[in-house]
PDB file of all heavy atoms in Angstrom:
ATOM      1  N   LEU A   1     155.953  64.284 134.250  1.00  0.00           N
ATOM      2  CA  LEU A   1     157.330  64.788 134.452  1.00  0.00           C
ATOM      3  C   LEU A   1     157.888  64.361 135.822  1.00  0.00           C
ATOM      4  O   LEU A   1     159.029  64.087 135.950  1.00  0.00           O
ATOM      5  CB  LEU A   1     157.315  66.323 134.357  1.00  0.00           C
ATOM      6  CG  LEU A   1     156.966  66.825 132.925  1.00  0.00           C
ATOM      7  CD1 LEU A   1     156.716  68.323 132.918  1.00  0.00           C
ATOM      8  CD2 LEU A   1     158.149  66.498 131.966  1.00  0.00           C
ATOM      9  N   TYR A   2     157.032  64.412 136.822  1.00  0.00           N
ATOM     10  CA  TYR A   2     157.510  63.973 138.180  1.00  0.00           C
ATOM     11  C   TYR A   2     157.853  62.468 138.161  1.00  0.00           C
ATOM     12  O   TYR A   2     158.775  62.035 138.885  1.00  0.00           O
ATOM     13  CB  TYR A   2     156.486  64.311 139.245  1.00  0.00           C
ATOM     14  CG  TYR A   2     156.516  65.783 139.579  1.00  0.00           C
ATOM     15  CD1 TYR A   2     155.329  66.503 139.576  1.00  0.00           C
ATOM     16  CD2 TYR A   2     157.724  66.347 140.002  1.00  0.00           C
ATOM     17  CE1 TYR A   2     155.377  67.839 139.899  1.00  0.00           C
ATOM     18  CE2 TYR A   2     157.691  67.743 140.356  1.00  0.00           C
ATOM     19  CZ  TYR A   2     156.557  68.484 140.345  1.00  0.00           C
ATOM     20  OH  TYR A   2     156.611  69.805 140.628  1.00  0.00           O
ATOM     21  N   LYS A   3     157.129  61.698 137.380  1.00  0.00           N
ATOM     22  CA  LYS A   3     157.545  60.275 137.294  1.00  0.00           C
ATOM     23  C   LYS A   3     158.897  60.051 136.711  1.00  0.00           C
ATOM     24  O   LYS A   3     159.697  59.237 137.210  1.00  0.00           O
ATOM     25  CB  LYS A   3     156.454  59.534 136.404  1.00  0.00           C
ATOM     26  CG  LYS A   3     155.170  59.188 137.093  1.00  0.00           C
ATOM     27  CD  LYS A   3     154.225  58.436 136.201  1.00  0.00           C
ATOM     28  CE  LYS A   3     152.932  58.032 136.912  1.00  0.00           C
ATOM     29  NZ  LYS A   3     152.060  57.304 136.019  1.00  0.00           N
ATOM     30  N   ILE A   4     159.247  60.911 135.689  1.00  0.00           N
ATOM     31  CA  ILE A   4     160.552  60.854 135.143  1.00  0.00           C
ATOM     32  C   ILE A   4     161.590  61.218 136.157  1.00  0.00           C
ATOM     33  O   ILE A   4     162.619  60.606 136.312  1.00  0.00           O
ATOM     34  CB  ILE A   4     160.658  61.799 133.897  1.00  0.00           C
ATOM     35  CG1 ILE A   4     159.756  61.260 132.769  1.00  0.00           C
ATOM     36  CG2 ILE A   4     162.091  61.898 133.454  1.00  0.00           C
ATOM     37  CD1 ILE A   4     159.638  62.192 131.622  1.00  0.00           C
ATOM     38  N   LEU A   5     161.315  62.288 136.900  1.00  0.00           N
ATOM     39  CA  LEU A   5     162.267  62.815 137.939  1.00  0.00           C
ATOM     40  C   LEU A   5     162.491  61.704 138.991  1.00  0.00           C
ATOM     41  O   LEU A   5     163.589  61.527 139.488  1.00  0.00           O
ATOM     42  CB  LEU A   5     161.776  64.066 138.554  1.00  0.00           C
ATOM     43  CG  LEU A   5     161.933  65.358 137.719  1.00  0.00           C
ATOM     44  CD1 LEU A   5     161.077  66.468 138.252  1.00  0.00           C
ATOM     45  CD2 LEU A   5     163.368  65.746 137.594  1.00  0.00           C
ATOM     46  N   LEU A   6     161.436  61.014 139.401  1.00  0.00           N
ATOM     47  CA  LEU A   6     161.569  60.030 140.387  1.00  0.00           C
ATOM     48  C   LEU A   6     162.198  58.712 139.902  1.00  0.00           C
ATOM     49  O   LEU A   6     162.739  57.952 140.690  1.00  0.00           O
ATOM     50  CB  LEU A   6     160.177  59.680 140.989  1.00  0.00           C
ATOM     51  CG  LEU A   6     159.643  60.810 141.932  1.00  0.00           C
ATOM     52  CD1 LEU A   6     158.102  60.605 142.192  1.00  0.00           C
ATOM     53  CD2 LEU A   6     160.419  60.874 143.244  1.00  0.00           C
ATOM     54  N   GLN A   7     162.184  58.502 138.603  1.00  0.00           N
ATOM     55  CA  GLN A   7     162.963  57.379 138.035  1.00  0.00           C
ATOM     56  C   GLN A   7     164.457  57.759 138.041  1.00  0.00           C
ATOM     57  O   GLN A   7     165.294  56.887 138.337  1.00  0.00           O
ATOM     58  CB  GLN A   7     162.562  57.156 136.569  1.00  0.00           C
ATOM     59  CG  GLN A   7     161.224  56.478 136.424  1.00  0.00           C
ATOM     60  CD  GLN A   7     160.760  56.380 134.965  1.00  0.00           C
ATOM     61  OE1 GLN A   7     161.407  56.920 134.074  1.00  0.00           O
ATOM     62  NE2 GLN A   7     159.595  55.667 134.750  1.00  0.00           N
ATOM     63  N   ILE A   8     164.751  59.002 137.862  1.00  0.00           N
ATOM     64  CA  ILE A   8     166.127  59.470 137.879  1.00  0.00           C
ATOM     65  C   ILE A   8     166.648  59.422 139.267  1.00  0.00           C
ATOM     66  O   ILE A   8     167.752  59.037 139.583  1.00  0.00           O
ATOM     67  CB  ILE A   8     166.283  60.900 137.308  1.00  0.00           C
ATOM     68  CG1 ILE A   8     165.876  60.946 135.801  1.00  0.00           C
ATOM     69  CG2 ILE A   8     167.707  61.466 137.521  1.00  0.00           C
ATOM     70  CD1 ILE A   8     165.790  62.338 135.252  1.00  0.00           C
ATOM     71  N   ASN A   9     165.832  59.902 140.250  1.00  0.00           N
ATOM     72  CA  ASN A   9     166.235  59.917 141.650  1.00  0.00           C
ATOM     73  C   ASN A   9     164.998  59.550 142.560  1.00  0.00           C
ATOM     74  O   ASN A   9     164.207  60.381 142.886  1.00  0.00           O
ATOM     75  CB  ASN A   9     166.693  61.344 142.018  1.00  0.00           C
ATOM     76  CG  ASN A   9     167.138  61.400 143.469  1.00  0.00           C
ATOM     77  OD1 ASN A   9     167.246  60.458 144.162  1.00  0.00           O
ATOM     78  ND2 ASN A   9     167.329  62.664 143.922  1.00  0.00           N
ATOM     79  N   PRO A  10     164.932  58.288 142.936  1.00  0.00           N
ATOM     80  CA  PRO A  10     163.789  57.805 143.716  1.00  0.00           C
ATOM     81  C   PRO A  10     163.771  58.499 145.102  1.00  0.00           C
ATOM     82  O   PRO A  10     162.703  58.444 145.778  1.00  0.00           O
ATOM     83  CB  PRO A  10     164.044  56.318 143.881  1.00  0.00           C
ATOM     84  CG  PRO A  10     164.969  55.967 142.778  1.00  0.00           C
ATOM     85  CD  PRO A  10     165.800  57.130 142.530  1.00  0.00           C
ATOM     86  N   ASP A  11     164.820  59.095 145.580  1.00  0.00           N
ATOM     87  CA  ASP A  11     164.863  59.757 146.875  1.00  0.00           C
ATOM     88  C   ASP A  11     164.569  61.233 146.749  1.00  0.00           C
ATOM     89  O   ASP A  11     164.816  62.007 147.749  1.00  0.00           O
ATOM     90  CB  ASP A  11     166.254  59.592 147.499  1.00  0.00           C
ATOM     91  CG  ASP A  11     166.522  58.138 147.792  1.00  0.00           C
ATOM     92  OD1 ASP A  11     165.599  57.426 148.180  1.00  0.00           O
ATOM     93  OD2 ASP A  11     167.681  57.705 147.624  1.00  0.00           O
ATOM     94  N   ASP A  12     164.059  61.701 145.605  1.00  0.00           N
ATOM     95  CA  ASP A  12     163.710  63.075 145.455  1.00  0.00           C
ATOM     96  C   ASP A  12     162.412  63.420 146.168  1.00  0.00           C
ATOM     97  O   ASP A  12     161.319  63.176 145.653  1.00  0.00           O
ATOM     98  CB  ASP A  12     163.539  63.376 143.945  1.00  0.00           C
ATOM     99  CG  ASP A  12     163.189  64.788 143.607  1.00  0.00           C
ATOM    100  OD1 ASP A  12     162.979  65.640 144.554  1.00  0.00           O
ATOM    101  OD2 ASP A  12     163.008  65.129 142.441  1.00  0.00           O
ATOM    102  N   LEU A  13     162.536  63.860 147.418  1.00  0.00           N
ATOM    103  CA  LEU A  13     161.342  64.086 148.259  1.00  0.00           C
ATOM    104  C   LEU A  13     160.478  65.242 147.769  1.00  0.00           C
ATOM    105  O   LEU A  13     159.231  65.246 147.938  1.00  0.00           O
ATOM    106  CB  LEU A  13     161.813  64.388 149.711  1.00  0.00           C
ATOM    107  CG  LEU A  13     162.413  63.168 150.443  1.00  0.00           C
ATOM    108  CD1 LEU A  13     162.733  63.494 151.883  1.00  0.00           C
ATOM    109  CD2 LEU A  13     161.534  61.973 150.409  1.00  0.00           C
ATOM    110  N   GLU A  14     161.136  66.245 147.168  1.00  0.00           N
ATOM    111  CA  GLU A  14     160.315  67.398 146.629  1.00  0.00           C
ATOM    112  C   GLU A  14     159.344  66.841 145.587  1.00  0.00           C
ATOM    113  O   GLU A  14     158.118  67.115 145.639  1.00  0.00           O
ATOM    114  CB  GLU A  14     161.196  68.391 146.005  1.00  0.00           C
ATOM    115  CG  GLU A  14     162.198  69.032 146.959  1.00  0.00           C
ATOM    116  CD  GLU A  14     163.247  69.863 146.230  1.00  0.00           C
ATOM    117  OE1 GLU A  14     163.032  70.213 145.063  1.00  0.00           O
ATOM    118  OE2 GLU A  14     164.323  70.042 146.822  1.00  0.00           O
ATOM    119  N   SER A  15     159.817  66.083 144.646  1.00  0.00           N
ATOM    120  CA  SER A  15     158.982  65.568 143.616  1.00  0.00           C
ATOM    121  C   SER A  15     157.985  64.626 144.108  1.00  0.00           C
ATOM    122  O   SER A  15     156.826  64.544 143.608  1.00  0.00           O
ATOM    123  CB  SER A  15     159.836  64.933 142.479  1.00  0.00           C
ATOM    124  OG  SER A  15     160.688  65.817 141.857  1.00  0.00           O
ATOM    125  N   ARG A  16     158.333  63.856 145.129  1.00  0.00           N
ATOM    126  CA  ARG A  16     157.419  62.891 145.627  1.00  0.00           C
ATOM    127  C   ARG A  16     156.245  63.528 146.317  1.00  0.00           C
ATOM    128  O   ARG A  16     155.092  63.066 146.179  1.00  0.00           O
ATOM    129  CB  ARG A  16     158.116  61.977 146.646  1.00  0.00           C
ATOM    130  CG  ARG A  16     157.260  60.785 147.122  1.00  0.00           C
ATOM    131  CD  ARG A  16     158.063  59.705 147.716  1.00  0.00           C
ATOM    132  NE  ARG A  16     157.248  58.634 148.212  1.00  0.00           N
ATOM    133  CZ  ARG A  16     157.656  57.590 148.929  1.00  0.00           C
ATOM    134  NH1 ARG A  16     159.016  57.473 149.151  1.00  0.00           N
ATOM    135  NH2 ARG A  16     156.835  56.637 149.297  1.00  0.00           N
ATOM    136  N   TRP A  17     156.435  64.634 147.056  1.00  0.00           N
ATOM    137  CA  TRP A  17     155.328  65.380 147.624  1.00  0.00           C
ATOM    138  C   TRP A  17     154.470  65.952 146.536  1.00  0.00           C
ATOM    139  O   TRP A  17     153.213  65.862 146.572  1.00  0.00           O
ATOM    140  CB  TRP A  17     155.873  66.500 148.538  1.00  0.00           C
ATOM    141  CG  TRP A  17     154.793  67.401 149.042  1.00  0.00           C
ATOM    142  CD1 TRP A  17     154.429  68.580 148.471  1.00  0.00           C
ATOM    143  CD2 TRP A  17     153.938  67.234 150.150  1.00  0.00           C
ATOM    144  NE1 TRP A  17     153.431  69.173 149.193  1.00  0.00           N
ATOM    145  CE2 TRP A  17     153.068  68.343 150.207  1.00  0.00           C
ATOM    146  CE3 TRP A  17     153.761  66.209 151.128  1.00  0.00           C
ATOM    147  CZ2 TRP A  17     152.112  68.499 151.157  1.00  0.00           C
ATOM    148  CZ3 TRP A  17     152.758  66.334 152.029  1.00  0.00           C
ATOM    149  CH2 TRP A  17     151.936  67.473 152.067  1.00  0.00           C
ATOM    150  N   LEU A  18     155.085  66.634 145.589  1.00  0.00           N
ATOM    151  CA  LEU A  18     154.307  67.325 144.573  1.00  0.00           C
ATOM    152  C   LEU A  18     153.553  66.404 143.677  1.00  0.00           C
ATOM    153  O   LEU A  18     152.408  66.719 143.179  1.00  0.00           O
ATOM    154  CB  LEU A  18     155.260  68.204 143.759  1.00  0.00           C
ATOM    155  CG  LEU A  18     155.882  69.390 144.553  1.00  0.00           C
ATOM    156  CD1 LEU A  18     156.987  70.022 143.775  1.00  0.00           C
ATOM    157  CD2 LEU A  18     154.797  70.450 144.818  1.00  0.00           C
ATOM    158  N   ILE A  19     154.033  65.174 143.358  1.00  0.00           N
ATOM    159  CA  ILE A  19     153.303  64.248 142.522  1.00  0.00           C
ATOM    160  C   ILE A  19     152.055  63.731 143.272  1.00  0.00           C
ATOM    161  O   ILE A  19     150.963  63.524 142.666  1.00  0.00           O
ATOM    162  CB  ILE A  19     154.169  63.095 142.016  1.00  0.00           C
ATOM    163  CG1 ILE A  19     153.464  62.390 140.792  1.00  0.00           C
ATOM    164  CG2 ILE A  19     154.524  62.121 143.043  1.00  0.00           C
ATOM    165  CD1 ILE A  19     154.265  61.398 140.103  1.00  0.00           C
ATOM    166  N   ASN A  20     152.188  63.553 144.592  1.00  0.00           N
ATOM    167  CA  ASN A  20     151.027  63.188 145.329  1.00  0.00           C
ATOM    168  C   ASN A  20     149.960  64.281 145.378  1.00  0.00           C
ATOM    169  O   ASN A  20     148.727  63.967 145.271  1.00  0.00           O
ATOM    170  CB  ASN A  20     151.447  62.804 146.775  1.00  0.00           C
ATOM    171  CG  ASN A  20     151.969  61.405 146.866  1.00  0.00           C
ATOM    172  OD1 ASN A  20     151.244  60.479 147.210  1.00  0.00           O
ATOM    173  ND2 ASN A  20     153.242  61.195 146.584  1.00  0.00           N
ATOM    174  N   VAL A  21     150.372  65.520 145.452  1.00  0.00           N
ATOM    175  CA  VAL A  21     149.417  66.616 145.389  1.00  0.00           C
ATOM    176  C   VAL A  21     148.797  66.704 144.017  1.00  0.00           C
ATOM    177  O   VAL A  21     147.538  66.902 143.864  1.00  0.00           O
ATOM    178  CB  VAL A  21     150.117  67.981 145.682  1.00  0.00           C
ATOM    179  CG1 VAL A  21     149.198  69.131 145.440  1.00  0.00           C
ATOM    180  CG2 VAL A  21     150.627  67.973 147.162  1.00  0.00           C
ATOM    181  N   ALA A  22     149.628  66.466 143.027  1.00  0.00           N
ATOM    182  CA  ALA A  22     149.069  66.461 141.583  1.00  0.00           C
ATOM    183  C   ALA A  22     147.995  65.388 141.409  1.00  0.00           C
ATOM    184  O   ALA A  22     146.957  65.636 140.737  1.00  0.00           O
ATOM    185  CB  ALA A  22     150.207  66.263 140.618  1.00  0.00           C
ATOM    186  N   TYR A  23     148.231  64.199 141.952  1.00  0.00           N
ATOM    187  CA  TYR A  23     147.242  63.147 141.887  1.00  0.00           C
ATOM    188  C   TYR A  23     145.931  63.511 142.604  1.00  0.00           C
ATOM    189  O   TYR A  23     144.880  63.168 142.193  1.00  0.00           O
ATOM    190  CB  TYR A  23     147.754  61.867 142.443  1.00  0.00           C
ATOM    191  CG  TYR A  23     148.484  60.942 141.459  1.00  0.00           C
ATOM    192  CD1 TYR A  23     149.874  60.796 141.526  1.00  0.00           C
ATOM    193  CD2 TYR A  23     147.783  60.274 140.476  1.00  0.00           C
ATOM    194  CE1 TYR A  23     150.508  59.977 140.596  1.00  0.00           C
ATOM    195  CE2 TYR A  23     148.442  59.472 139.522  1.00  0.00           C
ATOM    196  CZ  TYR A  23     149.789  59.335 139.578  1.00  0.00           C
ATOM    197  OH  TYR A  23     150.427  58.520 138.686  1.00  0.00           O
ATOM    198  N   MET A  24     146.064  64.281 143.730  1.00  0.00           N
ATOM    199  CA  MET A  24     144.887  64.783 144.399  1.00  0.00           C
ATOM    200  C   MET A  24     144.088  65.671 143.504  1.00  0.00           C
ATOM    201  O   MET A  24     142.839  65.626 143.452  1.00  0.00           O
ATOM    202  CB  MET A  24     145.292  65.567 145.681  1.00  0.00           C
ATOM    203  CG  MET A  24     145.744  64.773 146.844  1.00  0.00           C
ATOM    204  SD  MET A  24     146.025  65.806 148.264  1.00  0.00           S
ATOM    205  CE  MET A  24     146.619  64.629 149.438  1.00  0.00           C
ATOM    206  N   THR A  25     144.699  66.581 142.753  1.00  0.00           N
ATOM    207  CA  THR A  25     144.013  67.497 141.880  1.00  0.00           C
ATOM    208  C   THR A  25     143.255  66.855 140.754  1.00  0.00           C
ATOM    209  O   THR A  25     142.279  67.398 140.186  1.00  0.00           O
ATOM    210  CB  THR A  25     144.991  68.582 141.337  1.00  0.00           C
ATOM    211  OG1 THR A  25     145.834  67.955 140.374  1.00  0.00           O
ATOM    212  CG2 THR A  25     145.757  69.269 142.397  1.00  0.00           C
ATOM    213  N   THR A  26     143.672  65.586 140.411  1.00  0.00           N
ATOM    214  CA  THR A  26     142.949  64.878 139.334  1.00  0.00           C
ATOM    215  C   THR A  26     141.947  63.927 139.931  1.00  0.00           C
ATOM    216  O   THR A  26     141.291  63.167 139.171  1.00  0.00           O
ATOM    217  CB  THR A  26     143.961  64.079 138.469  1.00  0.00           C
ATOM    218  OG1 THR A  26     144.641  63.125 139.299  1.00  0.00           O
ATOM    219  CG2 THR A  26     145.031  64.987 137.841  1.00  0.00           C
ATOM    220  N   GLY A  27     141.864  63.811 141.270  1.00  0.00           N
ATOM    221  CA  GLY A  27     140.888  62.969 141.905  1.00  0.00           C
ATOM    222  C   GLY A  27     141.345  61.547 141.950  1.00  0.00           C
ATOM    223  O   GLY A  27     140.554  60.620 142.244  1.00  0.00           O
ATOM    224  N   GLU A  28     142.689  61.328 141.864  1.00  0.00           N
ATOM    225  CA  GLU A  28     143.191  59.931 141.772  1.00  0.00           C
ATOM    226  C   GLU A  28     143.997  59.495 143.032  1.00  0.00           C
ATOM    227  O   GLU A  28     144.629  58.488 143.045  1.00  0.00           O
ATOM    228  CB  GLU A  28     144.095  59.774 140.551  1.00  0.00           C
ATOM    229  CG  GLU A  28     143.287  60.018 139.237  1.00  0.00           C
ATOM    230  CD  GLU A  28     144.230  59.927 138.035  1.00  0.00           C
ATOM    231  OE1 GLU A  28     144.867  60.969 137.713  1.00  0.00           O
ATOM    232  OE2 GLU A  28     144.321  58.869 137.377  1.00  0.00           O
ATOM    233  N   TYR A  29     144.049  60.422 144.041  1.00  0.00           N
ATOM    234  CA  TYR A  29     144.819  60.049 145.249  1.00  0.00           C
ATOM    235  C   TYR A  29     143.825  59.392 146.213  1.00  0.00           C
ATOM    236  O   TYR A  29     142.699  59.907 146.430  1.00  0.00           O
ATOM    237  CB  TYR A  29     145.411  61.297 145.898  1.00  0.00           C
ATOM    238  CG  TYR A  29     146.085  60.938 147.255  1.00  0.00           C
ATOM    239  CD1 TYR A  29     147.393  60.690 147.262  1.00  0.00           C
ATOM    240  CD2 TYR A  29     145.349  60.910 148.453  1.00  0.00           C
ATOM    241  CE1 TYR A  29     148.108  60.347 148.470  1.00  0.00           C
ATOM    242  CE2 TYR A  29     146.007  60.565 149.639  1.00  0.00           C
ATOM    243  CZ  TYR A  29     147.337  60.300 149.657  1.00  0.00           C
ATOM    244  OH  TYR A  29     147.945  59.994 150.830  1.00  0.00           O
ATOM    245  N   PRO A  30     144.193  58.266 146.833  1.00  0.00           N
ATOM    246  CA  PRO A  30     145.477  57.547 146.737  1.00  0.00           C
ATOM    247  C   PRO A  30     145.401  56.373 145.735  1.00  0.00           C
ATOM    248  O   PRO A  30     146.415  55.722 145.552  1.00  0.00           O
ATOM    249  CB  PRO A  30     145.672  57.050 148.148  1.00  0.00           C
ATOM    250  CG  PRO A  30     144.263  56.762 148.635  1.00  0.00           C
ATOM    251  CD  PRO A  30     143.362  57.785 148.001  1.00  0.00           C
ATOM    252  N   GLN A  31     144.221  56.101 145.236  1.00  0.00           N
ATOM    253  CA  GLN A  31     143.985  54.830 144.587  1.00  0.00           C
ATOM    254  C   GLN A  31     144.835  54.597 143.315  1.00  0.00           C
ATOM    255  O   GLN A  31     145.264  53.471 143.043  1.00  0.00           O
ATOM    256  CB  GLN A  31     142.485  54.669 144.182  1.00  0.00           C
ATOM    257  CG  GLN A  31     141.942  55.633 143.167  1.00  0.00           C
ATOM    258  CD  GLN A  31     141.539  57.003 143.688  1.00  0.00           C
ATOM    259  OE1 GLN A  31     141.851  57.284 144.862  1.00  0.00           O
ATOM    260  NE2 GLN A  31     140.821  57.777 142.898  1.00  0.00           N
ATOM    261  N   ASN A  32     145.171  55.645 142.582  1.00  0.00           N
ATOM    262  CA  ASN A  32     145.922  55.483 141.372  1.00  0.00           C
ATOM    263  C   ASN A  32     147.376  55.896 141.481  1.00  0.00           C
ATOM    264  O   ASN A  32     148.146  55.915 140.477  1.00  0.00           O
ATOM    265  CB  ASN A  32     145.294  56.262 140.232  1.00  0.00           C
ATOM    266  CG  ASN A  32     143.949  55.662 139.781  1.00  0.00           C
ATOM    267  OD1 ASN A  32     143.658  54.520 140.160  1.00  0.00           O
ATOM    268  ND2 ASN A  32     143.159  56.481 139.157  1.00  0.00           N
ATOM    269  N   VAL A  33     147.818  56.242 142.691  1.00  0.00           N
ATOM    270  CA  VAL A  33     149.255  56.625 142.882  1.00  0.00           C
ATOM    271  C   VAL A  33     150.093  55.321 142.984  1.00  0.00           C
ATOM    272  O   VAL A  33     149.784  54.504 143.779  1.00  0.00           O
ATOM    273  CB  VAL A  33     149.428  57.452 144.146  1.00  0.00           C
ATOM    274  CG1 VAL A  33     150.881  57.928 144.223  1.00  0.00           C
ATOM    275  CG2 VAL A  33     148.493  58.655 144.153  1.00  0.00           C
ATOM    276  N   PRO A  34     151.127  55.219 142.112  1.00  0.00           N
ATOM    277  CA  PRO A  34     152.021  54.074 142.224  1.00  0.00           C
ATOM    278  C   PRO A  34     152.516  53.869 143.612  1.00  0.00           C
ATOM    279  O   PRO A  34     152.887  54.772 144.324  1.00  0.00           O
ATOM    280  CB  PRO A  34     153.085  54.371 141.237  1.00  0.00           C
ATOM    281  CG  PRO A  34     152.501  55.308 140.235  1.00  0.00           C
ATOM    282  CD  PRO A  34     151.541  56.113 141.059  1.00  0.00           C
ATOM    283  N   LYS A  35     152.566  52.638 144.118  1.00  0.00           N
ATOM    284  CA  LYS A  35     152.863  52.378 145.493  1.00  0.00           C
ATOM    285  C   LYS A  35     154.264  52.846 145.860  1.00  0.00           C
ATOM    286  O   LYS A  35     154.517  53.266 147.012  1.00  0.00           O
ATOM    287  CB  LYS A  35     152.794  50.856 145.798  1.00  0.00           C
ATOM    288  CG  LYS A  35     151.339  50.310 145.756  1.00  0.00           C
ATOM    289  CD  LYS A  35     151.309  48.847 146.148  1.00  0.00           C
ATOM    290  CE  LYS A  35     149.855  48.374 146.195  1.00  0.00           C
ATOM    291  NZ  LYS A  35     149.764  46.918 146.562  1.00  0.00           N
ATOM    292  N   ASN A  36     155.220  52.835 144.897  1.00  0.00           N
ATOM    293  CA  ASN A  36     156.597  53.178 145.274  1.00  0.00           C
ATOM    294  C   ASN A  36     156.704  54.748 145.456  1.00  0.00           C
ATOM    295  O   ASN A  36     157.739  55.184 145.962  1.00  0.00           O
ATOM    296  CB  ASN A  36     157.542  52.738 144.191  1.00  0.00           C
ATOM    297  CG  ASN A  36     157.267  53.343 142.814  1.00  0.00           C
ATOM    298  OD1 ASN A  36     156.117  53.474 142.422  1.00  0.00           O
ATOM    299  ND2 ASN A  36     158.297  53.812 142.123  1.00  0.00           N
ATOM    300  N   ILE A  37     155.714  55.492 145.077  1.00  0.00           N
ATOM    301  CA  ILE A  37     155.762  56.955 145.201  1.00  0.00           C
ATOM    302  C   ILE A  37     154.658  57.497 146.086  1.00  0.00           C
ATOM    303  O   ILE A  37     154.601  58.711 146.420  1.00  0.00           O
ATOM    304  CB  ILE A  37     155.816  57.719 143.890  1.00  0.00           C
ATOM    305  CG1 ILE A  37     154.600  57.410 143.045  1.00  0.00           C
ATOM    306  CG2 ILE A  37     157.052  57.334 143.078  1.00  0.00           C
ATOM    307  CD1 ILE A  37     154.494  58.218 141.768  1.00  0.00           C
ATOM    308  N   LEU A  38     153.734  56.634 146.544  1.00  0.00           N
ATOM    309  CA  LEU A  38     152.606  57.076 147.335  1.00  0.00           C
ATOM    310  C   LEU A  38     153.111  57.556 148.756  1.00  0.00           C
ATOM    311  O   LEU A  38     153.917  56.894 149.352  1.00  0.00           O
ATOM    312  CB  LEU A  38     151.612  55.932 147.538  1.00  0.00           C
ATOM    313  CG  LEU A  38     150.481  56.164 148.493  1.00  0.00           C
ATOM    314  CD1 LEU A  38     149.564  57.193 147.883  1.00  0.00           C
ATOM    315  CD2 LEU A  38     149.693  54.918 148.744  1.00  0.00           C
ATOM    316  N   LEU A  39     152.571  58.700 149.136  1.00  0.00           N
ATOM    317  CA  LEU A  39     152.712  59.152 150.503  1.00  0.00           C
ATOM    318  C   LEU A  39     151.332  58.833 151.186  1.00  0.00           C
ATOM    319  O   LEU A  39     150.348  59.571 150.994  1.00  0.00           O
ATOM    320  CB  LEU A  39     153.011  60.662 150.607  1.00  0.00           C
ATOM    321  CG  LEU A  39     154.410  61.080 150.036  1.00  0.00           C
ATOM    322  CD1 LEU A  39     154.531  62.562 150.059  1.00  0.00           C
ATOM    323  CD2 LEU A  39     155.530  60.443 150.883  1.00  0.00           C
ATOM    324  N   PRO A  40     151.269  57.786 151.931  1.00  0.00           N
ATOM    325  CA  PRO A  40     149.934  57.343 152.478  1.00  0.00           C
ATOM    326  C   PRO A  40     149.456  58.223 153.578  1.00  0.00           C
ATOM    327  O   PRO A  40     150.197  58.886 154.266  1.00  0.00           O
ATOM    328  CB  PRO A  40     150.208  55.924 152.954  1.00  0.00           C
ATOM    329  CG  PRO A  40     151.673  55.939 153.323  1.00  0.00           C
ATOM    330  CD  PRO A  40     152.342  56.820 152.287  1.00  0.00           C
ATOM    331  N   GLY A  41     148.131  58.261 153.669  1.00  0.00           N
ATOM    332  CA  GLY A  41     147.500  59.001 154.853  1.00  0.00           C
ATOM    333  C   GLY A  41     147.473  60.493 154.726  1.00  0.00           C
ATOM    334  O   GLY A  41     147.078  61.135 155.749  1.00  0.00           O
ATOM    335  N   LEU A  42     147.746  61.046 153.616  1.00  0.00           N
ATOM    336  CA  LEU A  42     147.650  62.556 153.501  1.00  0.00           C
ATOM    337  C   LEU A  42     146.240  63.078 153.604  1.00  0.00           C
ATOM    338  O   LEU A  42     146.056  64.218 153.867  1.00  0.00           O
ATOM    339  CB  LEU A  42     148.302  63.034 152.181  1.00  0.00           C
ATOM    340  CG  LEU A  42     149.810  62.720 152.007  1.00  0.00           C
ATOM    341  CD1 LEU A  42     150.254  63.311 150.688  1.00  0.00           C
ATOM    342  CD2 LEU A  42     150.615  63.214 153.145  1.00  0.00           C
ATOM    343  N   ASN A  43     145.276  62.210 153.413  1.00  0.00           N
ATOM    344  CA  ASN A  43     143.868  62.637 153.423  1.00  0.00           C
ATOM    345  C   ASN A  43     143.167  62.114 154.652  1.00  0.00           C
ATOM    346  O   ASN A  43     141.921  62.155 154.727  1.00  0.00           O
ATOM    347  CB  ASN A  43     143.105  62.162 152.207  1.00  0.00           C
ATOM    348  CG  ASN A  43     143.155  60.617 152.084  1.00  0.00           C
ATOM    349  OD1 ASN A  43     143.915  59.969 152.792  1.00  0.00           O
ATOM    350  ND2 ASN A  43     142.291  60.101 151.192  1.00  0.00           N
ATOM    351  N   SER A  44     143.891  61.669 155.693  1.00  0.00           N
ATOM    352  CA  SER A  44     143.203  61.117 156.873  1.00  0.00           C
ATOM    353  C   SER A  44     143.425  61.976 158.057  1.00  0.00           C
ATOM    354  O   SER A  44     144.428  62.746 158.155  1.00  0.00           O
ATOM    355  CB  SER A  44     143.760  59.672 157.147  1.00  0.00           C
ATOM    356  OG  SER A  44     145.127  59.719 157.441  1.00  0.00           O
ATOM    357  N   THR A  45     142.512  61.874 159.071  1.00  0.00           N
ATOM    358  CA  THR A  45     142.633  62.606 160.292  1.00  0.00           C
ATOM    359  C   THR A  45     141.880  61.805 161.362  1.00  0.00           C
ATOM    360  O   THR A  45     140.959  61.082 161.133  1.00  0.00           O
ATOM    361  CB  THR A  45     141.921  64.019 160.168  1.00  0.00           C
ATOM    362  OG1 THR A  45     142.042  64.640 161.469  1.00  0.00           O
ATOM    363  CG2 THR A  45     140.508  63.924 159.755  1.00  0.00           C
ATOM    364  N   ASN A  46     142.411  61.948 162.593  1.00  0.00           N
ATOM    365  CA  ASN A  46     141.793  61.289 163.753  1.00  0.00           C
ATOM    366  C   ASN A  46     140.875  62.216 164.493  1.00  0.00           C
ATOM    367  O   ASN A  46     140.260  61.795 165.478  1.00  0.00           O
ATOM    368  CB  ASN A  46     142.932  60.788 164.735  1.00  0.00           C
ATOM    369  CG  ASN A  46     143.776  59.698 164.093  1.00  0.00           C
ATOM    370  OD1 ASN A  46     143.282  58.866 163.383  1.00  0.00           O
ATOM    371  ND2 ASN A  46     145.079  59.704 164.397  1.00  0.00           N
ATOM    372  N   VAL A  47     140.824  63.442 164.014  1.00  0.00           N
ATOM    373  CA  VAL A  47     140.003  64.456 164.717  1.00  0.00           C
ATOM    374  C   VAL A  47     138.526  64.255 164.293  1.00  0.00           C
ATOM    375  O   VAL A  47     138.184  64.237 163.126  1.00  0.00           O
ATOM    376  CB  VAL A  47     140.478  65.900 164.319  1.00  0.00           C
ATOM    377  CG1 VAL A  47     139.560  66.950 165.020  1.00  0.00           C
ATOM    378  CG2 VAL A  47     141.909  66.058 164.746  1.00  0.00           C
ATOM    379  N   THR A  48     137.642  64.131 165.266  1.00  0.00           N
ATOM    380  CA  THR A  48     136.263  63.916 165.030  1.00  0.00           C
ATOM    381  C   THR A  48     135.345  65.016 165.540  1.00  0.00           C
ATOM    382  O   THR A  48     134.183  65.072 165.264  1.00  0.00           O
ATOM    383  CB  THR A  48     135.793  62.574 165.580  1.00  0.00           C
ATOM    384  OG1 THR A  48     136.025  62.603 167.018  1.00  0.00           O
ATOM    385  CG2 THR A  48     136.563  61.390 164.972  1.00  0.00           C
TER     386      THR A  48
END
C-alpha cells in the first residue's frame, strides 16, 4: 500500500518513513528497499 501511495506522491515523507520501518520488520532493510524510496543509514551509528 505504501508503494502505491509513493507512486501517487513521491514526496510523501510520511509514507516514505513508514515503508522503511515496514521493511525493517520483515528483515529486508536496507537490501530490498527500492532505491528511490530508501532512507539510508537508519541502522547505522558512529557510537562505539
